[in-house]
């Protein structure tokens, strides 16, 4: 259809039967998106254990030296939610949630209670009027820049040269901020994600 994203794998003019697990997305059905904008039950997530992880292979060379191959540029979270389930109601919420997201079929919002906000982070310029929200991690002069693609709606505050501004648009599904005109200096953002 007109205006459809190029990332969609297929388009169908008729709704597939419900038995195939498709979601109705309007007058025509398109393949479900890989992300559903719903949050994992907060009471269970707060008690979950886990955190970010990276995939790195360590190869021992013939000389005995090691070569490290970083397979992922960004971390992936891994969590044990059983530590957060404290009641039958919690369990029911988890079961309902995973029925909706179809197990591992769709990603969803999950709040990492140890790392869910940032203050006055310098954004990354995409175009003169579009900037990406990022979180910067610094340690001993080294920096890791994490792209934030799903900031919490209503939590983003933007400043230019230290003064609060209202951007033309804040996209909470991409983490991109659009300004009516190019800012005079690099903007910063405070937000939750």
C-alpha atoms as a PDB file:
ATOM      1  CA  UNK A   1       0.000   0.000   0.000  1.00  0.00           C
ATOM      2  CA  UNK A   2       0.954   3.586  -0.453  1.00  0.00           C
ATOM      3  CA  UNK A   3       3.317   4.796   2.253  1.00  0.00           C
ATOM      4  CA  UNK A   4       4.135   1.279   3.508  1.00  0.00           C
ATOM      5  CA  UNK A   5       7.528   0.784   5.058  1.00  0.00           C
ATOM      6  CA  UNK A   6      10.161  -0.900   2.892  1.00  0.00           C
ATOM      7  CA  UNK A   7      11.038  -3.115   5.858  1.00  0.00           C
ATOM      8  CA  UNK A   8       7.749  -5.020   5.594  1.00  0.00           C
ATOM      9  CA  UNK A   9       8.254  -8.510   4.236  1.00  0.00           C
ATOM     10  CA  UNK A  10       4.890  -8.917   2.516  1.00  0.00           C
ATOM     11  CA  UNK A  11       1.550  -7.250   2.091  1.00  0.00           C
ATOM     12  CA  UNK A  12      -1.817  -8.946   1.679  1.00  0.00           C
ATOM     13  CA  UNK A  13      -5.096  -7.319   0.622  1.00  0.00           C
ATOM     14  CA  UNK A  14      -7.288  -9.714   2.622  1.00  0.00           C
ATOM     15  CA  UNK A  15      -7.160 -10.469   6.300  1.00  0.00           C
ATOM     16  CA  UNK A  16      -5.631 -13.869   6.954  1.00  0.00           C
ATOM     17  CA  UNK A  17      -7.688 -16.236   9.085  1.00  0.00           C
ATOM     18  CA  UNK A  18      -7.349 -15.655  12.840  1.00  0.00           C
ATOM     19  CA  UNK A  19      -6.000 -19.168  13.319  1.00  0.00           C
ATOM     20  CA  UNK A  20      -2.674 -17.997  11.865  1.00  0.00           C
ATOM     21  CA  UNK A  21      -2.160 -15.556  14.736  1.00  0.00           C
ATOM     22  CA  UNK A  22      -2.185 -12.351  12.680  1.00  0.00           C
ATOM     23  CA  UNK A  23      -3.179  -9.022  14.171  1.00  0.00           C
ATOM     24  CA  UNK A  24      -5.740  -6.802  12.508  1.00  0.00           C
ATOM     25  CA  UNK A  25      -4.024  -3.526  11.653  1.00  0.00           C
ATOM     26  CA  UNK A  26      -6.826  -1.719   9.848  1.00  0.00           C
ATOM     27  CA  UNK A  27      -8.682  -2.044   6.553  1.00  0.00           C
ATOM     28  CA  UNK A  28      -5.884  -4.129   5.046  1.00  0.00           C
ATOM     29  CA  UNK A  29      -3.728  -6.458   7.044  1.00  0.00           C
ATOM     30  CA  UNK A  30      -0.001  -6.292   6.781  1.00  0.00           C
ATOM     31  CA  UNK A  31       2.544  -8.511   8.405  1.00  0.00           C
ATOM     32  CA  UNK A  32       2.754  -7.761  12.117  1.00  0.00           C
ATOM     33  CA  UNK A  33       5.562  -5.489  13.186  1.00  0.00           C
ATOM     34  CA  UNK A  34       8.376  -6.983  15.286  1.00  0.00           C
ATOM     35  CA  UNK A  35       7.706  -4.483  18.120  1.00  0.00           C
ATOM     36  CA  UNK A  36       4.496  -4.000  20.107  1.00  0.00           C
ATOM     37  CA  UNK A  37       4.398  -0.738  22.059  1.00  0.00           C
ATOM     38  CA  UNK A  38       3.321  -2.347  25.338  1.00  0.00           C
ATOM     39  CA  UNK A  39       5.216  -2.643  28.592  1.00  0.00           C
ATOM     40  CA  UNK A  40       6.069  -5.806  30.469  1.00  0.00           C
ATOM     41  CA  UNK A  41       4.167  -5.882  33.817  1.00  0.00           C
ATOM     42  CA  UNK A  42       6.018  -3.379  36.015  1.00  0.00           C
ATOM     43  CA  UNK A  43       5.641  -5.180  39.341  1.00  0.00           C
ATOM     44  CA  UNK A  44       7.234  -8.328  37.890  1.00  0.00           C
ATOM     45  CA  UNK A  45       9.919  -6.463  35.948  1.00  0.00           C
ATOM     46  CA  UNK A  46      11.038  -4.592  39.051  1.00  0.00           C
ATOM     47  CA  UNK A  47      11.868  -7.871  40.791  1.00  0.00           C
ATOM     48  CA  UNK A  48      13.551  -9.485  37.772  1.00  0.00           C
ATOM     49  CA  UNK A  49      17.285 -10.175  37.804  1.00  0.00           C
ATOM     50  CA  UNK A  50      19.615  -9.799  34.855  1.00  0.00           C
ATOM     51  CA  UNK A  51      21.084  -7.091  32.720  1.00  0.00           C
ATOM     52  CA  UNK A  52      22.931  -6.266  29.529  1.00  0.00           C
ATOM     53  CA  UNK A  53      25.220  -8.720  27.786  1.00  0.00           C
ATOM     54  CA  UNK A  54      27.444  -8.774  24.734  1.00  0.00           C
ATOM     55  CA  UNK A  55      28.488 -11.551  22.379  1.00  0.00           C
ATOM     56  CA  UNK A  56      32.269 -11.826  22.181  1.00  0.00           C
ATOM     57  CA  UNK A  57      34.287 -14.746  20.850  1.00  0.00           C
ATOM     58  CA  UNK A  58      37.798 -15.290  22.164  1.00  0.00           C
ATOM     59  CA  UNK A  59      40.018 -17.150  19.721  1.00  0.00           C
ATOM     60  CA  UNK A  60      43.359 -18.556  20.879  1.00  0.00           C
ATOM     61  CA  UNK A  61      45.924 -18.201  18.098  1.00  0.00           C
ATOM     62  CA  UNK A  62      48.707 -20.709  17.366  1.00  0.00           C
ATOM     63  CA  UNK A  63      51.145 -18.351  19.090  1.00  0.00           C
ATOM     64  CA  UNK A  64      49.070 -18.517  22.287  1.00  0.00           C
ATOM     65  CA  UNK A  65      47.864 -14.918  21.946  1.00  0.00           C
ATOM     66  CA  UNK A  66      44.153 -14.225  22.050  1.00  0.00           C
ATOM     67  CA  UNK A  67      42.035 -12.472  19.438  1.00  0.00           C
ATOM     68  CA  UNK A  68      38.682 -11.049  20.583  1.00  0.00           C
ATOM     69  CA  UNK A  69      35.823 -10.684  18.114  1.00  0.00           C
ATOM     70  CA  UNK A  70      32.934  -8.426  19.169  1.00  0.00           C
ATOM     71  CA  UNK A  71      29.816  -9.828  17.464  1.00  0.00           C
ATOM     72  CA  UNK A  72      27.294  -7.224  18.704  1.00  0.00           C
ATOM     73  CA  UNK A  73      27.915  -3.490  18.784  1.00  0.00           C
ATOM     74  CA  UNK A  74      25.062  -2.999  21.267  1.00  0.00           C
ATOM     75  CA  UNK A  75      24.119  -4.968  24.374  1.00  0.00           C
ATOM     76  CA  UNK A  76      21.148  -7.298  24.584  1.00  0.00           C
ATOM     77  CA  UNK A  77      19.327  -7.698  27.866  1.00  0.00           C
ATOM     78  CA  UNK A  78      18.767 -11.092  29.446  1.00  0.00           C
ATOM     79  CA  UNK A  79      16.456 -11.401  32.451  1.00  0.00           C
ATOM     80  CA  UNK A  80      15.118 -13.985  34.861  1.00  0.00           C
ATOM     81  CA  UNK A  81      11.560 -12.854  35.591  1.00  0.00           C
ATOM     82  CA  UNK A  82      10.756 -15.672  38.018  1.00  0.00           C
ATOM     83  CA  UNK A  83      12.309 -13.640  40.842  1.00  0.00           C
ATOM     84  CA  UNK A  84       9.710 -10.905  40.222  1.00  0.00           C
ATOM     85  CA  UNK A  85       6.624 -13.132  40.341  1.00  0.00           C
ATOM     86  CA  UNK A  86       5.258 -12.860  43.864  1.00  0.00           C
ATOM     87  CA  UNK A  87       1.549 -13.628  43.501  1.00  0.00           C
ATOM     88  CA  UNK A  88      -0.994 -15.426  41.383  1.00  0.00           C
ATOM     89  CA  UNK A  89      -1.994 -12.042  39.897  1.00  0.00           C
ATOM     90  CA  UNK A  90       1.639 -11.438  38.834  1.00  0.00           C
ATOM     91  CA  UNK A  91       1.718 -14.842  37.145  1.00  0.00           C
ATOM     92  CA  UNK A  92      -1.579 -14.141  35.366  1.00  0.00           C
ATOM     93  CA  UNK A  93      -0.190 -10.809  34.094  1.00  0.00           C
ATOM     94  CA  UNK A  94       2.941 -12.544  32.755  1.00  0.00           C
ATOM     95  CA  UNK A  95       0.895 -15.265  31.035  1.00  0.00           C
ATOM     96  CA  UNK A  96      -1.411 -12.673  29.443  1.00  0.00           C
ATOM     97  CA  UNK A  97       1.582 -10.593  28.340  1.00  0.00           C
ATOM     98  CA  UNK A  98       3.304 -13.509  26.616  1.00  0.00           C
ATOM     99  CA  UNK A  99       0.081 -14.555  24.895  1.00  0.00           C
ATOM    100  CA  UNK A 100      -0.202 -11.045  23.432  1.00  0.00           C
ATOM    101  CA  UNK A 101       3.462 -10.884  22.310  1.00  0.00           C
ATOM    102  CA  UNK A 102       3.301 -14.521  21.165  1.00  0.00           C
ATOM    103  CA  UNK A 103       6.280 -15.675  23.190  1.00  0.00           C
ATOM    104  CA  UNK A 104       9.395 -14.375  21.483  1.00  0.00           C
ATOM    105  CA  UNK A 105       7.634 -13.216  18.279  1.00  0.00           C
ATOM    106  CA  UNK A 106       7.440  -9.530  19.221  1.00  0.00           C
ATOM    107  CA  UNK A 107       9.688  -7.289  21.233  1.00  0.00           C
ATOM    108  CA  UNK A 108       8.141  -5.020  23.855  1.00  0.00           C
ATOM    109  CA  UNK A 109       9.082  -2.403  26.427  1.00  0.00           C
ATOM    110  CA  UNK A 110      10.960  -3.760  29.450  1.00  0.00           C
ATOM    111  CA  UNK A 111      12.234  -1.371  32.099  1.00  0.00           C
ATOM    112  CA  UNK A 112      15.720  -2.085  33.416  1.00  0.00           C
ATOM    113  CA  UNK A 113      15.387  -0.617  36.909  1.00  0.00           C
ATOM    114  CA  UNK A 114      19.179  -0.210  37.125  1.00  0.00           C
ATOM    115  CA  UNK A 115      19.451   1.778  33.869  1.00  0.00           C
ATOM    116  CA  UNK A 116      16.274   3.502  32.678  1.00  0.00           C
ATOM    117  CA  UNK A 117      16.995   7.231  32.542  1.00  0.00           C
ATOM    118  CA  UNK A 118      19.565   9.799  31.494  1.00  0.00           C
ATOM    119  CA  UNK A 119      20.115  13.520  32.043  1.00  0.00           C
ATOM    120  CA  UNK A 120      21.524  16.163  29.694  1.00  0.00           C
ATOM    121  CA  UNK A 121      22.866  13.721  27.110  1.00  0.00           C
ATOM    122  CA  UNK A 122      24.324  15.282  23.942  1.00  0.00           C
ATOM    123  CA  UNK A 123      22.306  14.040  20.962  1.00  0.00           C
ATOM    124  CA  UNK A 124      23.687  12.767  17.638  1.00  0.00           C
ATOM    125  CA  UNK A 125      22.892  14.755  14.496  1.00  0.00           C
ATOM    126  CA  UNK A 126      21.096  12.847  11.702  1.00  0.00           C
ATOM    127  CA  UNK A 127      20.250  15.899   9.551  1.00  0.00           C
ATOM    128  CA  UNK A 128      20.445  19.594  10.477  1.00  0.00           C
ATOM    129  CA  UNK A 129      16.899  19.419  11.926  1.00  0.00           C
ATOM    130  CA  UNK A 130      16.723  15.757  13.078  1.00  0.00           C
ATOM    131  CA  UNK A 131      18.712  14.500  16.083  1.00  0.00           C
ATOM    132  CA  UNK A 132      18.935  11.059  17.698  1.00  0.00           C
ATOM    133  CA  UNK A 133      18.599  10.499  21.451  1.00  0.00           C
ATOM    134  CA  UNK A 134      21.537   8.552  22.876  1.00  0.00           C
ATOM    135  CA  UNK A 135      22.886   7.602  26.263  1.00  0.00           C
ATOM    136  CA  UNK A 136      26.618   7.890  26.791  1.00  0.00           C
ATOM    137  CA  UNK A 137      28.560   5.589  29.120  1.00  0.00           C
ATOM    138  CA  UNK A 138      32.011   6.867  30.120  1.00  0.00           C
ATOM    139  CA  UNK A 139      34.772   5.058  31.967  1.00  0.00           C
ATOM    140  CA  UNK A 140      38.436   6.113  32.274  1.00  0.00           C
ATOM    141  CA  UNK A 141      38.365   8.161  29.077  1.00  0.00           C
ATOM    142  CA  UNK A 142      36.498   5.542  27.016  1.00  0.00           C
ATOM    143  CA  UNK A 143      32.962   6.068  25.792  1.00  0.00           C
ATOM    144  CA  UNK A 144      30.167   3.804  24.584  1.00  0.00           C
ATOM    145  CA  UNK A 145      27.242   5.516  22.825  1.00  0.00           C
ATOM    146  CA  UNK A 146      23.927   3.684  23.078  1.00  0.00           C
ATOM    147  CA  UNK A 147      21.186   4.679  20.645  1.00  0.00           C
ATOM    148  CA  UNK A 148      17.872   5.086  22.461  1.00  0.00           C
ATOM    149  CA  UNK A 149      15.046   4.167  20.098  1.00  0.00           C
ATOM    150  CA  UNK A 150      12.125   3.886  22.512  1.00  0.00           C
ATOM    151  CA  UNK A 151      12.071   6.782  24.995  1.00  0.00           C
ATOM    152  CA  UNK A 152       9.069   6.844  27.334  1.00  0.00           C
ATOM    153  CA  UNK A 153       6.386   9.194  26.021  1.00  0.00           C
ATOM    154  CA  UNK A 154       6.218  12.411  28.032  1.00  0.00           C
ATOM    155  CA  UNK A 155       9.639  11.922  29.638  1.00  0.00           C
ATOM    156  CA  UNK A 156      11.808  13.695  27.035  1.00  0.00           C
ATOM    157  CA  UNK A 157      13.042  17.193  27.908  1.00  0.00           C
ATOM    158  CA  UNK A 158      15.222  18.972  25.335  1.00  0.00           C
ATOM    159  CA  UNK A 159      17.622  21.873  25.864  1.00  0.00           C
ATOM    160  CA  UNK A 160      19.697  23.989  23.506  1.00  0.00           C
ATOM    161  CA  UNK A 161      22.583  25.888  25.094  1.00  0.00           C
ATOM    162  CA  UNK A 162      21.141  24.994  28.509  1.00  0.00           C
ATOM    163  CA  UNK A 163      17.692  26.501  27.839  1.00  0.00           C
ATOM    164  CA  UNK A 164      14.580  24.297  27.580  1.00  0.00           C
ATOM    165  CA  UNK A 165      13.012  24.171  24.116  1.00  0.00           C
ATOM    166  CA  UNK A 166       9.969  22.475  22.593  1.00  0.00           C
ATOM    167  CA  UNK A 167      10.940  20.546  19.460  1.00  0.00           C
ATOM    168  CA  UNK A 168       8.594  20.201  16.470  1.00  0.00           C
ATOM    169  CA  UNK A 169       8.304  16.429  17.075  1.00  0.00           C
ATOM    170  CA  UNK A 170       9.501  13.685  19.407  1.00  0.00           C
ATOM    171  CA  UNK A 171       9.213  10.195  17.911  1.00  0.00           C
ATOM    172  CA  UNK A 172       8.940   7.688  20.773  1.00  0.00           C
ATOM    173  CA  UNK A 173       9.335   4.719  18.385  1.00  0.00           C
ATOM    174  CA  UNK A 174      12.662   5.862  16.889  1.00  0.00           C
ATOM    175  CA  UNK A 175      14.092   8.214  19.518  1.00  0.00           C
ATOM    176  CA  UNK A 176      14.482  10.984  16.962  1.00  0.00           C
ATOM    177  CA  UNK A 177      13.831  14.639  17.736  1.00  0.00           C
ATOM    178  CA  UNK A 178      12.790  16.992  14.934  1.00  0.00           C
ATOM    179  CA  UNK A 179      13.297  20.759  15.162  1.00  0.00           C
ATOM    180  CA  UNK A 180      11.482  23.338  13.020  1.00  0.00           C
ATOM    181  CA  UNK A 181      14.878  24.817  12.106  1.00  0.00           C
ATOM    182  CA  UNK A 182      18.455  23.733  12.697  1.00  0.00           C
ATOM    183  CA  UNK A 183      19.507  24.418  16.308  1.00  0.00           C
ATOM    184  CA  UNK A 184      22.334  26.932  16.833  1.00  0.00           C
ATOM    185  CA  UNK A 185      24.247  24.481  19.042  1.00  0.00           C
ATOM    186  CA  UNK A 186      24.121  20.773  19.825  1.00  0.00           C
ATOM    187  CA  UNK A 187      20.926  19.940  21.741  1.00  0.00           C
ATOM    188  CA  UNK A 188      20.833  17.767  24.859  1.00  0.00           C
ATOM    189  CA  UNK A 189      18.054  15.539  26.142  1.00  0.00           C
ATOM    190  CA  UNK A 190      16.951  14.171  29.505  1.00  0.00           C
ATOM    191  CA  UNK A 191      14.634  11.174  29.297  1.00  0.00           C
ATOM    192  CA  UNK A 192      13.517   7.758  30.487  1.00  0.00           C
ATOM    193  CA  UNK A 193      13.611   4.664  28.297  1.00  0.00           C
END
